[in-house]
Amino acid sequence: MIIAIIVAVIIVLFILIQYNQLIKLRLKVKQSKSGIDVYLKQRFDLIPNLVNTVKGYANYEKGVLDNIVKLRTEYDKTQDVKISEELNNQMNKIIAIAENYPELKASEQFLNLQKNS
């Protein structure tokens, strides 16, 4: 009789231990799914931000280059001193930027966008 009670207690303890392990594993799976969901949401939010950043930088570079081309064309037509000074100022800005950043970076931003998406 005592042996039967001891065996029954051992079986109950074994079942409880296995049940607790299954609960722990289920919680680990839920936690892992939650981590993946968070990562996917961050990635989903990151893509539009990257696209907007690259577009903005590309527009900035386009604006700078378009302005210089426009000023050079006007200067070639009119040989106006004011336009020459403005062109010189714009070129000085480009040179100052080029000293800090050796080349325009839009192509690098596009590459980063492709890598991150």
PDB file of N, CA and C in Angstrom:
ATOM      1  N   MET A   1       0.821  -1.197   0.000  1.00  0.00           N
ATOM      2  CA  MET A   1       0.000   0.000   0.000  1.00  0.00           C
ATOM      3  C   MET A   1       0.863   1.259   0.000  1.00  0.00           C
ATOM      4  N   ILE A   2       1.870   1.286   0.814  1.00  0.00           N
ATOM      5  CA  ILE A   2       2.763   2.446   0.881  1.00  0.00           C
ATOM      6  C   ILE A   2       3.509   2.595  -0.437  1.00  0.00           C
ATOM      7  N   ILE A   3       3.899   1.474  -1.020  1.00  0.00           N
ATOM      8  CA  ILE A   3       4.611   1.520  -2.304  1.00  0.00           C
ATOM      9  C   ILE A   3       3.700   2.121  -3.372  1.00  0.00           C
ATOM     10  N   ALA A   4       2.438   1.789  -3.375  1.00  0.00           N
ATOM     11  CA  ALA A   4       1.488   2.329  -4.349  1.00  0.00           C
ATOM     12  C   ALA A   4       1.335   3.835  -4.173  1.00  0.00           C
ATOM     13  N   ILE A   5       1.295   4.302  -2.938  1.00  0.00           N
ATOM     14  CA  ILE A   5       1.181   5.741  -2.664  1.00  0.00           C
ATOM     15  C   ILE A   5       2.450   6.458  -3.122  1.00  0.00           C
ATOM     16  N   ILE A   6       3.607   5.871  -2.846  1.00  0.00           N
ATOM     17  CA  ILE A   6       4.877   6.480  -3.267  1.00  0.00           C
ATOM     18  C   ILE A   6       4.948   6.534  -4.785  1.00  0.00           C
ATOM     19  N   VAL A   7       4.564   5.474  -5.474  1.00  0.00           N
ATOM     20  CA  VAL A   7       4.554   5.453  -6.941  1.00  0.00           C
ATOM     21  C   VAL A   7       3.572   6.493  -7.465  1.00  0.00           C
ATOM     22  N   ALA A   8       2.403   6.601  -6.841  1.00  0.00           N
ATOM     23  CA  ALA A   8       1.405   7.593  -7.266  1.00  0.00           C
ATOM     24  C   ALA A   8       1.944   9.009  -7.078  1.00  0.00           C
ATOM     25  N   VAL A   9       2.624   9.279  -5.970  1.00  0.00           N
ATOM     26  CA  VAL A   9       3.196  10.600  -5.709  1.00  0.00           C
ATOM     27  C   VAL A   9       4.291  10.905  -6.728  1.00  0.00           C
ATOM     28  N   ILE A  10       5.125   9.904  -7.037  1.00  0.00           N
ATOM     29  CA  ILE A  10       6.190  10.093  -8.036  1.00  0.00           C
ATOM     30  C   ILE A  10       5.585  10.384  -9.403  1.00  0.00           C
ATOM     31  N   ILE A  11       4.548   9.681  -9.772  1.00  0.00           N
ATOM     32  CA  ILE A  11       3.885   9.914 -11.072  1.00  0.00           C
ATOM     33  C   ILE A  11       3.279  11.317 -11.112  1.00  0.00           C
ATOM     34  N   VAL A  12       2.634  11.735 -10.040  1.00  0.00           N
ATOM     35  CA  VAL A  12       2.035  13.073  -9.981  1.00  0.00           C
ATOM     36  C   VAL A  12       3.125  14.140 -10.072  1.00  0.00           C
ATOM     37  N   LEU A  13       4.225  13.951  -9.347  1.00  0.00           N
ATOM     38  CA  LEU A  13       5.331  14.906  -9.416  1.00  0.00           C
ATOM     39  C   LEU A  13       5.917  14.961 -10.829  1.00  0.00           C
ATOM     40  N   PHE A  14       6.083  13.815 -11.447  1.00  0.00           N
ATOM     41  CA  PHE A  14       6.602  13.774 -12.813  1.00  0.00           C
ATOM     42  C   PHE A  14       5.675  14.526 -13.773  1.00  0.00           C
ATOM     43  N   ILE A  15       4.380  14.311 -13.629  1.00  0.00           N
ATOM     44  CA  ILE A  15       3.400  14.996 -14.494  1.00  0.00           C
ATOM     45  C   ILE A  15       3.453  16.504 -14.252  1.00  0.00           C
ATOM     46  N   LEU A  16       3.550  16.925 -13.000  1.00  0.00           N
ATOM     47  CA  LEU A  16       3.623  18.358 -12.689  1.00  0.00           C
ATOM     48  C   LEU A  16       4.903  18.989 -13.254  1.00  0.00           C
ATOM     49  N   ILE A  17       6.007  18.287 -13.122  1.00  0.00           N
ATOM     50  CA  ILE A  17       7.267  18.807 -13.655  1.00  0.00           C
ATOM     51  C   ILE A  17       7.196  18.937 -15.172  1.00  0.00           C
ATOM     52  N   GLN A  18       6.676  17.925 -15.847  1.00  0.00           N
ATOM     53  CA  GLN A  18       6.542  17.981 -17.305  1.00  0.00           C
ATOM     54  C   GLN A  18       5.586  19.097 -17.716  1.00  0.00           C
ATOM     55  N   TYR A  19       4.493  19.261 -16.988  1.00  0.00           N
ATOM     56  CA  TYR A  19       3.539  20.326 -17.294  1.00  0.00           C
ATOM     57  C   TYR A  19       4.208  21.699 -17.167  1.00  0.00           C
ATOM     58  N   ASN A  20       4.967  21.904 -16.097  1.00  0.00           N
ATOM     59  CA  ASN A  20       5.669  23.178 -15.903  1.00  0.00           C
ATOM     60  C   ASN A  20       6.677  23.428 -17.018  1.00  0.00           C
ATOM     61  N   GLN A  21       7.376  22.397 -17.459  1.00  0.00           N
ATOM     62  CA  GLN A  21       8.331  22.560 -18.554  1.00  0.00           C
ATOM     63  C   GLN A  21       7.610  22.932 -19.856  1.00  0.00           C
ATOM     64  N   LEU A  22       6.455  22.314 -20.082  1.00  0.00           N
ATOM     65  CA  LEU A  22       5.680  22.664 -21.274  1.00  0.00           C
ATOM     66  C   LEU A  22       5.198  24.116 -21.219  1.00  0.00           C
ATOM     67  N   ILE A  23       4.781  24.568 -20.058  1.00  0.00           N
ATOM     68  CA  ILE A  23       4.349  25.967 -19.891  1.00  0.00           C
ATOM     69  C   ILE A  23       5.525  26.904 -20.162  1.00  0.00           C
ATOM     70  N   LYS A  24       6.723  26.575 -19.627  1.00  0.00           N
ATOM     71  CA  LYS A  24       7.908  27.402 -19.872  1.00  0.00           C
ATOM     72  C   LYS A  24       8.234  27.463 -21.357  1.00  0.00           C
ATOM     73  N   LEU A  25       8.163  26.334 -22.029  1.00  0.00           N
ATOM     74  CA  LEU A  25       8.447  26.307 -23.474  1.00  0.00           C
ATOM     75  C   LEU A  25       7.423  27.130 -24.252  1.00  0.00           C
ATOM     76  N   ARG A  26       6.142  27.046 -23.853  1.00  0.00           N
ATOM     77  CA  ARG A  26       5.110  27.837 -24.529  1.00  0.00           C
ATOM     78  C   ARG A  26       5.381  29.331 -24.345  1.00  0.00           C
ATOM     79  N   LEU A  27       5.789  29.730 -23.145  1.00  0.00           N
ATOM     80  CA  LEU A  27       6.105  31.137 -22.893  1.00  0.00           C
ATOM     81  C   LEU A  27       7.317  31.592 -23.703  1.00  0.00           C
ATOM     82  N   LYS A  28       8.315  30.714 -23.846  1.00  0.00           N
ATOM     83  CA  LYS A  28       9.481  31.066 -24.665  1.00  0.00           C
ATOM     84  C   LYS A  28       9.083  31.266 -26.122  1.00  0.00           C
ATOM     85  N   VAL A  29       8.180  30.415 -26.627  1.00  0.00           N
ATOM     86  CA  VAL A  29       7.706  30.561 -28.004  1.00  0.00           C
ATOM     87  C   VAL A  29       6.958  31.877 -28.170  1.00  0.00           C
ATOM     88  N   LYS A  30       6.078  32.205 -27.217  1.00  0.00           N
ATOM     89  CA  LYS A  30       5.336  33.478 -27.287  1.00  0.00           C
ATOM     90  C   LYS A  30       6.293  34.664 -27.244  1.00  0.00           C
ATOM     91  N   GLN A  31       7.313  34.585 -26.380  1.00  0.00           N
ATOM     92  CA  GLN A  31       8.286  35.666 -26.270  1.00  0.00           C
ATOM     93  C   GLN A  31       9.072  35.808 -27.575  1.00  0.00           C
ATOM     94  N   SER A  32       9.435  34.704 -28.173  1.00  0.00           N
ATOM     95  CA  SER A  32      10.168  34.751 -29.442  1.00  0.00           C
ATOM     96  C   SER A  32       9.313  35.358 -30.548  1.00  0.00           C
ATOM     97  N   LYS A  33       8.044  34.959 -30.604  1.00  0.00           N
ATOM     98  CA  LYS A  33       7.131  35.538 -31.598  1.00  0.00           C
ATOM     99  C   LYS A  33       6.981  37.034 -31.383  1.00  0.00           C
ATOM    100  N   SER A  34       6.898  37.437 -30.130  1.00  0.00           N
ATOM    101  CA  SER A  34       6.768  38.855 -29.818  1.00  0.00           C
ATOM    102  C   SER A  34       8.011  39.621 -30.267  1.00  0.00           C
ATOM    103  N   GLY A  35       9.184  39.036 -30.031  1.00  0.00           N
ATOM    104  CA  GLY A  35      10.427  39.678 -30.471  1.00  0.00           C
ATOM    105  C   GLY A  35      10.480  39.837 -31.973  1.00  0.00           C
ATOM    106  N   ILE A  36      10.021  38.819 -32.698  1.00  0.00           N
ATOM    107  CA  ILE A  36       9.996  38.889 -34.164  1.00  0.00           C
ATOM    108  C   ILE A  36       9.011  39.963 -34.620  1.00  0.00           C
ATOM    109  N   ASP A  37       7.849  40.033 -33.966  1.00  0.00           N
ATOM    110  CA  ASP A  37       6.865  41.061 -34.316  1.00  0.00           C
ATOM    111  C   ASP A  37       7.425  42.461 -34.108  1.00  0.00           C
ATOM    112  N   VAL A  38       8.127  42.656 -33.009  1.00  0.00           N
ATOM    113  CA  VAL A  38       8.730  43.969 -32.734  1.00  0.00           C
ATOM    114  C   VAL A  38       9.759  44.304 -33.809  1.00  0.00           C
ATOM    115  N   TYR A  39      10.604  43.332 -34.146  1.00  0.00           N
ATOM    116  CA  TYR A  39      11.633  43.551 -35.175  1.00  0.00           C
ATOM    117  C   TYR A  39      10.989  43.887 -36.521  1.00  0.00           C
ATOM    118  N   LEU A  40       9.950  43.141 -36.893  1.00  0.00           N
ATOM    119  CA  LEU A  40       9.276  43.409 -38.168  1.00  0.00           C
ATOM    120  C   LEU A  40       8.598  44.775 -38.167  1.00  0.00           C
ATOM    121  N   LYS A  41       8.016  45.184 -37.043  1.00  0.00           N
ATOM    122  CA  LYS A  41       7.390  46.510 -36.966  1.00  0.00           C
ATOM    123  C   LYS A  41       8.443  47.604 -37.102  1.00  0.00           C
ATOM    124  N   GLN A  42       9.593  47.435 -36.438  1.00  0.00           N
ATOM    125  CA  GLN A  42      10.669  48.424 -36.565  1.00  0.00           C
ATOM    126  C   GLN A  42      11.133  48.503 -38.009  1.00  0.00           C
ATOM    127  N   ARG A  43      11.286  47.367 -38.645  1.00  0.00           N
ATOM    128  CA  ARG A  43      11.727  47.342 -40.040  1.00  0.00           C
ATOM    129  C   ARG A  43      10.674  47.997 -40.934  1.00  0.00           C
ATOM    130  N   PHE A  44       9.402  47.693 -40.680  1.00  0.00           N
ATOM    131  CA  PHE A  44       8.324  48.285 -41.460  1.00  0.00           C
ATOM    132  C   PHE A  44       8.319  49.799 -41.309  1.00  0.00           C
ATOM    133  N   ASP A  45       8.570  50.303 -40.094  1.00  0.00           N
ATOM    134  CA  ASP A  45       8.615  51.748 -39.858  1.00  0.00           C
ATOM    135  C   ASP A  45       9.886  52.370 -40.424  1.00  0.00           C
ATOM    136  N   LEU A  46      10.965  51.605 -40.496  1.00  0.00           N
ATOM    137  CA  LEU A  46      12.248  52.122 -40.949  1.00  0.00           C
ATOM    138  C   LEU A  46      12.267  52.383 -42.457  1.00  0.00           C
ATOM    139  N   ILE A  47      11.614  51.538 -43.234  1.00  0.00           N
ATOM    140  CA  ILE A  47      11.689  51.645 -44.683  1.00  0.00           C
ATOM    141  C   ILE A  47      11.171  52.995 -45.190  1.00  0.00           C
ATOM    142  N   PRO A  48       9.979  53.457 -44.786  1.00  0.00           N
ATOM    143  CA  PRO A  48       9.545  54.782 -45.262  1.00  0.00           C
ATOM    144  C   PRO A  48      10.485  55.905 -44.810  1.00  0.00           C
ATOM    145  N   ASN A  49      11.033  55.800 -43.606  1.00  0.00           N
ATOM    146  CA  ASN A  49      11.973  56.817 -43.141  1.00  0.00           C
ATOM    147  C   ASN A  49      13.225  56.843 -44.000  1.00  0.00           C
ATOM    148  N   LEU A  50      13.752  55.670 -44.341  1.00  0.00           N
ATOM    149  CA  LEU A  50      14.930  55.610 -45.198  1.00  0.00           C
ATOM    150  C   LEU A  50      14.635  56.184 -46.581  1.00  0.00           C
ATOM    151  N   VAL A  51      13.475  55.833 -47.123  1.00  0.00           N
ATOM    152  CA  VAL A  51      13.107  56.337 -48.452  1.00  0.00           C
ATOM    153  C   VAL A  51      13.003  57.860 -48.429  1.00  0.00           C
ATOM    154  N   ASN A  52      12.365  58.408 -47.409  1.00  0.00           N
ATOM    155  CA  ASN A  52      12.228  59.866 -47.319  1.00  0.00           C
ATOM    156  C   ASN A  52      13.580  60.544 -47.146  1.00  0.00           C
ATOM    157  N   THR A  53      14.465  59.938 -46.367  1.00  0.00           N
ATOM    158  CA  THR A  53      15.799  60.505 -46.174  1.00  0.00           C
ATOM    159  C   THR A  53      16.567  60.537 -47.484  1.00  0.00           C
ATOM    160  N   VAL A  54      16.540  59.437 -48.197  1.00  0.00           N
ATOM    161  CA  VAL A  54      17.271  59.363 -49.468  1.00  0.00           C
ATOM    162  C   VAL A  54      16.676  60.338 -50.478  1.00  0.00           C
ATOM    163  N   LYS A  55      15.348  60.417 -50.534  1.00  0.00           N
ATOM    164  CA  LYS A  55      14.709  61.365 -51.461  1.00  0.00           C
ATOM    165  C   LYS A  55      15.102  62.801 -51.126  1.00  0.00           C
ATOM    166  N   GLY A  56      15.084  63.123 -49.840  1.00  0.00           N
ATOM    167  CA  GLY A  56      15.446  64.481 -49.429  1.00  0.00           C
ATOM    168  C   GLY A  56      16.875  64.820 -49.786  1.00  0.00           C
ATOM    169  N   TYR A  57      17.782  63.889 -49.558  1.00  0.00           N
ATOM    170  CA  TYR A  57      19.184  64.148 -49.865  1.00  0.00           C
ATOM    171  C   TYR A  57      19.398  64.248 -51.368  1.00  0.00           C
ATOM    172  N   ALA A  58      18.709  63.392 -52.129  1.00  0.00           N
ATOM    173  CA  ALA A  58      18.823  63.453 -53.584  1.00  0.00           C
ATOM    174  C   ALA A  58      18.285  64.786 -54.109  1.00  0.00           C
ATOM    175  N   ASN A  59      17.178  65.257 -53.541  1.00  0.00           N
ATOM    176  CA  ASN A  59      16.624  66.548 -53.949  1.00  0.00           C
ATOM    177  C   ASN A  59      17.578  67.684 -53.611  1.00  0.00           C
ATOM    178  N   TYR A  60      18.226  67.615 -52.462  1.00  0.00           N
ATOM    179  CA  TYR A  60      19.203  68.634 -52.076  1.00  0.00           C
ATOM    180  C   TYR A  60      20.347  68.685 -53.080  1.00  0.00           C
ATOM    181  N   GLU A  61      20.897  67.523 -53.416  1.00  0.00           N
ATOM    182  CA  GLU A  61      21.999  67.484 -54.383  1.00  0.00           C
ATOM    183  C   GLU A  61      21.544  67.994 -55.744  1.00  0.00           C
ATOM    184  N   LYS A  62      20.347  67.597 -56.149  1.00  0.00           N
ATOM    185  CA  LYS A  62      19.823  68.039 -57.447  1.00  0.00           C
ATOM    186  C   LYS A  62      19.652  69.560 -57.444  1.00  0.00           C
ATOM    187  N   GLY A  63      19.122  70.094 -56.350  1.00  0.00           N
ATOM    188  CA  GLY A  63      18.941  71.540 -56.260  1.00  0.00           C
ATOM    189  C   GLY A  63      20.250  72.298 -56.329  1.00  0.00           C
ATOM    190  N   VAL A  64      21.272  71.805 -55.644  1.00  0.00           N
ATOM    191  CA  VAL A  64      22.583  72.466 -55.662  1.00  0.00           C
ATOM    192  C   VAL A  64      23.161  72.450 -57.073  1.00  0.00           C
ATOM    193  N   LEU A  65      23.134  71.295 -57.685  1.00  0.00           N
ATOM    194  CA  LEU A  65      23.709  71.189 -59.028  1.00  0.00           C
ATOM    195  C   LEU A  65      22.897  71.972 -60.059  1.00  0.00           C
ATOM    196  N   ASP A  66      21.566  71.940 -59.957  1.00  0.00           N
ATOM    197  CA  ASP A  66      20.730  72.712 -60.881  1.00  0.00           C
ATOM    198  C   ASP A  66      20.992  74.211 -60.741  1.00  0.00           C
ATOM    199  N   ASN A  67      21.153  74.672 -59.511  1.00  0.00           N
ATOM    200  CA  ASN A  67      21.417  76.089 -59.274  1.00  0.00           C
ATOM    201  C   ASN A  67      22.747  76.501 -59.907  1.00  0.00           C
ATOM    202  N   ILE A  68      23.763  75.686 -59.762  1.00  0.00           N
ATOM    203  CA  ILE A  68      25.066  76.010 -60.351  1.00  0.00           C
ATOM    204  C   ILE A  68      24.991  76.008 -61.873  1.00  0.00           C
ATOM    205  N   VAL A  69      24.302  75.022 -62.435  1.00  0.00           N
ATOM    206  CA  VAL A  69      24.167  74.967 -63.901  1.00  0.00           C
ATOM    207  C   VAL A  69      23.403  76.185 -64.404  1.00  0.00           C
ATOM    208  N   LYS A  70      22.346  76.573 -63.694  1.00  0.00           N
ATOM    209  CA  LYS A  70      21.557  77.748 -64.092  1.00  0.00           C
ATOM    210  C   LYS A  70      22.416  79.016 -64.046  1.00  0.00           C
ATOM    211  N   LEU A  71      23.173  79.168 -62.955  1.00  0.00           N
ATOM    212  CA  LEU A  71      24.023  80.352 -62.833  1.00  0.00           C
ATOM    213  C   LEU A  71      25.107  80.372 -63.911  1.00  0.00           C
ATOM    214  N   ARG A  72      25.691  79.241 -64.228  1.00  0.00           N
ATOM    215  CA  ARG A  72      26.722  79.194 -65.272  1.00  0.00           C
ATOM    216  C   ARG A  72      26.131  79.548 -66.631  1.00  0.00           C
ATOM    217  N   THR A  73      24.922  79.058 -66.901  1.00  0.00           N
ATOM    218  CA  THR A  73      24.267  79.372 -68.175  1.00  0.00           C
ATOM    219  C   THR A  73      23.956  80.858 -68.269  1.00  0.00           C
ATOM    220  N   GLU A  74      23.424  81.428 -67.192  1.00  0.00           N
ATOM    221  CA  GLU A  74      23.125  82.861 -67.194  1.00  0.00           C
ATOM    222  C   GLU A  74      24.395  83.684 -67.353  1.00  0.00           C
ATOM    223  N   TYR A  75      25.446  83.278 -66.687  1.00  0.00           N
ATOM    224  CA  TYR A  75      26.711  84.017 -66.788  1.00  0.00           C
ATOM    225  C   TYR A  75      27.266  83.942 -68.204  1.00  0.00           C
ATOM    226  N   ASP A  76      27.179  82.775 -68.834  1.00  0.00           N
ATOM    227  CA  ASP A  76      27.664  82.645 -70.210  1.00  0.00           C
ATOM    228  C   ASP A  76      26.887  83.557 -71.157  1.00  0.00           C
ATOM    229  N   LYS A  77      25.593  83.747 -70.897  1.00  0.00           N
ATOM    230  CA  LYS A  77      24.763  84.580 -71.765  1.00  0.00           C
ATOM    231  C   LYS A  77      25.006  86.061 -71.516  1.00  0.00           C
ATOM    232  N   THR A  78      25.102  86.465 -70.239  1.00  0.00           N
ATOM    233  CA  THR A  78      25.105  87.895 -69.924  1.00  0.00           C
ATOM    234  C   THR A  78      26.453  88.448 -69.495  1.00  0.00           C
ATOM    235  N   GLN A  79      27.329  87.602 -69.001  1.00  0.00           N
ATOM    236  CA  GLN A  79      28.621  88.035 -68.445  1.00  0.00           C
ATOM    237  C   GLN A  79      28.422  89.078 -67.343  1.00  0.00           C
ATOM    238  N   ASP A  80      27.336  88.932 -66.581  1.00  0.00           N
ATOM    239  CA  ASP A  80      26.994  89.852 -65.498  1.00  0.00           C
ATOM    240  C   ASP A  80      27.872  89.563 -64.272  1.00  0.00           C
ATOM    241  N   VAL A  81      28.355  90.625 -63.643  1.00  0.00           N
ATOM    242  CA  VAL A  81      29.243  90.485 -62.490  1.00  0.00           C
ATOM    243  C   VAL A  81      28.486  89.925 -61.284  1.00  0.00           C
ATOM    244  N   LYS A  82      27.230  90.339 -61.100  1.00  0.00           N
ATOM    245  CA  LYS A  82      26.441  89.843 -59.976  1.00  0.00           C
ATOM    246  C   LYS A  82      26.245  88.330 -60.081  1.00  0.00           C
ATOM    247  N   ILE A  83      25.968  87.874 -61.270  1.00  0.00           N
ATOM    248  CA  ILE A  83      25.797  86.429 -61.467  1.00  0.00           C
ATOM    249  C   ILE A  83      27.115  85.715 -61.228  1.00  0.00           C
ATOM    250  N   SER A  84      28.189  86.339 -61.649  1.00  0.00           N
ATOM    251  CA  SER A  84      29.510  85.757 -61.423  1.00  0.00           C
ATOM    252  C   SER A  84      29.800  85.628 -59.931  1.00  0.00           C
ATOM    253  N   GLU A  85      29.449  86.657 -59.179  1.00  0.00           N
ATOM    254  CA  GLU A  85      29.666  86.604 -57.733  1.00  0.00           C
ATOM    255  C   GLU A  85      28.806  85.519 -57.085  1.00  0.00           C
ATOM    256  N   GLU A  86      27.544  85.434 -57.508  1.00  0.00           N
ATOM    257  CA  GLU A  86      26.652  84.408 -56.968  1.00  0.00           C
ATOM    258  C   GLU A  86      27.160  83.011 -57.313  1.00  0.00           C
ATOM    259  N   LEU A  87      27.620  82.862 -58.551  1.00  0.00           N
ATOM    260  CA  LEU A  87      28.191  81.572 -58.962  1.00  0.00           C
ATOM    261  C   LEU A  87      29.432  81.251 -58.136  1.00  0.00           C
ATOM    262  N   ASN A  88      30.249  82.235 -57.898  1.00  0.00           N
ATOM    263  CA  ASN A  88      31.438  82.047 -57.074  1.00  0.00           C
ATOM    264  C   ASN A  88      31.055  81.638 -55.644  1.00  0.00           C
ATOM    265  N   ASN A  89      30.024  82.285 -55.086  1.00  0.00           N
ATOM    266  CA  ASN A  89      29.558  81.923 -53.742  1.00  0.00           C
ATOM    267  C   ASN A  89      29.048  80.482 -53.700  1.00  0.00           C
ATOM    268  N   GLN A  90      28.275  80.106 -54.721  1.00  0.00           N
ATOM    269  CA  GLN A  90      27.754  78.734 -54.772  1.00  0.00           C
ATOM    270  C   GLN A  90      28.893  77.721 -54.899  1.00  0.00           C
ATOM    271  N   MET A  91      29.865  78.054 -55.722  1.00  0.00           N
ATOM    272  CA  MET A  91      31.004  77.142 -55.901  1.00  0.00           C
ATOM    273  C   MET A  91      31.810  77.039 -54.609  1.00  0.00           C
ATOM    274  N   ASN A  92      31.948  78.152 -53.888  1.00  0.00           N
ATOM    275  CA  ASN A  92      32.642  78.100 -52.603  1.00  0.00           C
ATOM    276  C   ASN A  92      31.910  77.201 -51.606  1.00  0.00           C
ATOM    277  N   LYS A  93      30.564  77.250 -51.640  1.00  0.00           N
ATOM    278  CA  LYS A  93      29.794  76.359 -50.773  1.00  0.00           C
ATOM    279  C   LYS A  93      30.051  74.902 -51.145  1.00  0.00           C
ATOM    280  N   ILE A  94      30.077  74.628 -52.443  1.00  0.00           N
ATOM    281  CA  ILE A  94      30.335  73.252 -52.900  1.00  0.00           C
ATOM    282  C   ILE A  94      31.723  72.807 -52.475  1.00  0.00           C
ATOM    283  N   ILE A  95      32.690  73.690 -52.619  1.00  0.00           N
ATOM    284  CA  ILE A  95      34.063  73.342 -52.232  1.00  0.00           C
ATOM    285  C   ILE A  95      34.137  73.088 -50.728  1.00  0.00           C
ATOM    286  N   ALA A  96      33.441  73.925 -49.943  1.00  0.00           N
ATOM    287  CA  ALA A  96      33.435  73.728 -48.488  1.00  0.00           C
ATOM    288  C   ALA A  96      32.786  72.396 -48.137  1.00  0.00           C
ATOM    289  N   ILE A  97      31.702  72.074 -48.817  1.00  0.00           N
ATOM    290  CA  ILE A  97      31.044  70.790 -48.578  1.00  0.00           C
ATOM    291  C   ILE A  97      31.948  69.652 -49.024  1.00  0.00           C
ATOM    292  N   ALA A  98      32.604  69.823 -50.164  1.00  0.00           N
ATOM    293  CA  ALA A  98      33.465  68.765 -50.689  1.00  0.00           C
ATOM    294  C   ALA A  98      34.656  68.511 -49.777  1.00  0.00           C
ATOM    295  N   GLU A  99      35.126  69.550 -49.102  1.00  0.00           N
ATOM    296  CA  GLU A  99      36.230  69.344 -48.161  1.00  0.00           C
ATOM    297  C   GLU A  99      35.779  68.505 -46.978  1.00  0.00           C
ATOM    298  N   ASN A 100      34.546  68.718 -46.524  1.00  0.00           N
ATOM    299  CA  ASN A 100      34.012  67.936 -45.412  1.00  0.00           C
ATOM    300  C   ASN A 100      33.540  66.558 -45.866  1.00  0.00           C
ATOM    301  N   TYR A 101      32.944  66.510 -47.037  1.00  0.00           N
ATOM    302  CA  TYR A 101      32.415  65.271 -47.606  1.00  0.00           C
ATOM    303  C   TYR A 101      32.966  65.164 -49.018  1.00  0.00           C
ATOM    304  N   PRO A 102      33.973  64.350 -49.234  1.00  0.00           N
ATOM    305  CA  PRO A 102      34.700  64.348 -50.503  1.00  0.00           C
ATOM    306  C   PRO A 102      33.855  64.142 -51.758  1.00  0.00           C
ATOM    307  N   GLU A 103      32.695  63.511 -51.656  1.00  0.00           N
ATOM    308  CA  GLU A 103      31.852  63.349 -52.831  1.00  0.00           C
ATOM    309  C   GLU A 103      30.401  63.458 -52.396  1.00  0.00           C
ATOM    310  N   LEU A 104      29.542  63.741 -53.360  1.00  0.00           N
ATOM    311  CA  LEU A 104      28.127  63.794 -53.040  1.00  0.00           C
ATOM    312  C   LEU A 104      27.667  62.385 -52.678  1.00  0.00           C
ATOM    313  N   LYS A 105      26.781  62.272 -51.710  1.00  0.00           N
ATOM    314  CA  LYS A 105      26.505  60.990 -51.079  1.00  0.00           C
ATOM    315  C   LYS A 105      25.170  60.356 -51.455  1.00  0.00           C
ATOM    316  N   ALA A 106      24.440  60.867 -52.417  1.00  0.00           N
ATOM    317  CA  ALA A 106      23.128  60.296 -52.711  1.00  0.00           C
ATOM    318  C   ALA A 106      23.243  58.856 -53.175  1.00  0.00           C
ATOM    319  N   SER A 107      24.238  58.547 -53.991  1.00  0.00           N
ATOM    320  CA  SER A 107      24.359  57.170 -54.474  1.00  0.00           C
ATOM    321  C   SER A 107      24.626  56.227 -53.306  1.00  0.00           C
ATOM    322  N   GLU A 108      25.406  56.659 -52.341  1.00  0.00           N
ATOM    323  CA  GLU A 108      25.661  55.835 -51.156  1.00  0.00           C
ATOM    324  C   GLU A 108      24.380  55.655 -50.343  1.00  0.00           C
ATOM    325  N   GLN A 109      23.564  56.712 -50.257  1.00  0.00           N
ATOM    326  CA  GLN A 109      22.307  56.602 -49.526  1.00  0.00           C
ATOM    327  C   GLN A 109      21.373  55.602 -50.211  1.00  0.00           C
ATOM    328  N   PHE A 110      21.350  55.620 -51.559  1.00  0.00           N
ATOM    329  CA  PHE A 110      20.522  54.663 -52.276  1.00  0.00           C
ATOM    330  C   PHE A 110      21.012  53.239 -52.024  1.00  0.00           C
ATOM    331  N   LEU A 111      22.322  53.031 -51.984  1.00  0.00           N
ATOM    332  CA  LEU A 111      22.860  51.702 -51.696  1.00  0.00           C
ATOM    333  C   LEU A 111      22.483  51.244 -50.294  1.00  0.00           C
ATOM    334  N   ASN A 112      22.556  52.169 -49.330  1.00  0.00           N
ATOM    335  CA  ASN A 112      22.158  51.831 -47.969  1.00  0.00           C
ATOM    336  C   ASN A 112      20.687  51.470 -47.898  1.00  0.00           C
ATOM    337  N   LEU A 113      19.849  52.194 -48.649  1.00  0.00           N
ATOM    338  CA  LEU A 113      18.430  51.901 -48.684  1.00  0.00           C
ATOM    339  C   LEU A 113      18.192  50.496 -49.224  1.00  0.00           C
ATOM    340  N   GLN A 114      18.917  50.140 -50.287  1.00  0.00           N
ATOM    341  CA  GLN A 114      18.750  48.800 -50.861  1.00  0.00           C
ATOM    342  C   GLN A 114      19.202  47.729 -49.876  1.00  0.00           C
ATOM    343  N   LYS A 115      20.277  47.967 -49.155  1.00  0.00           N
ATOM    344  CA  LYS A 115      20.762  46.974 -48.182  1.00  0.00           C
ATOM    345  C   LYS A 115      19.792  46.802 -47.024  1.00  0.00           C
ATOM    346  N   ASN A 116      19.176  47.899 -46.568  1.00  0.00           N
ATOM    347  CA  ASN A 116      18.318  47.847 -45.394  1.00  0.00           C
ATOM    348  C   ASN A 116      16.892  47.418 -45.694  1.00  0.00           C
ATOM    349  N   SER A 117      16.501  47.420 -46.950  1.00  0.00           N
ATOM    350  CA  SER A 117      15.118  47.030 -47.246  1.00  0.00           C
ATOM    351  C   SER A 117      15.036  45.626 -47.751  1.00  0.00           C
TER     352      SER A 117
END
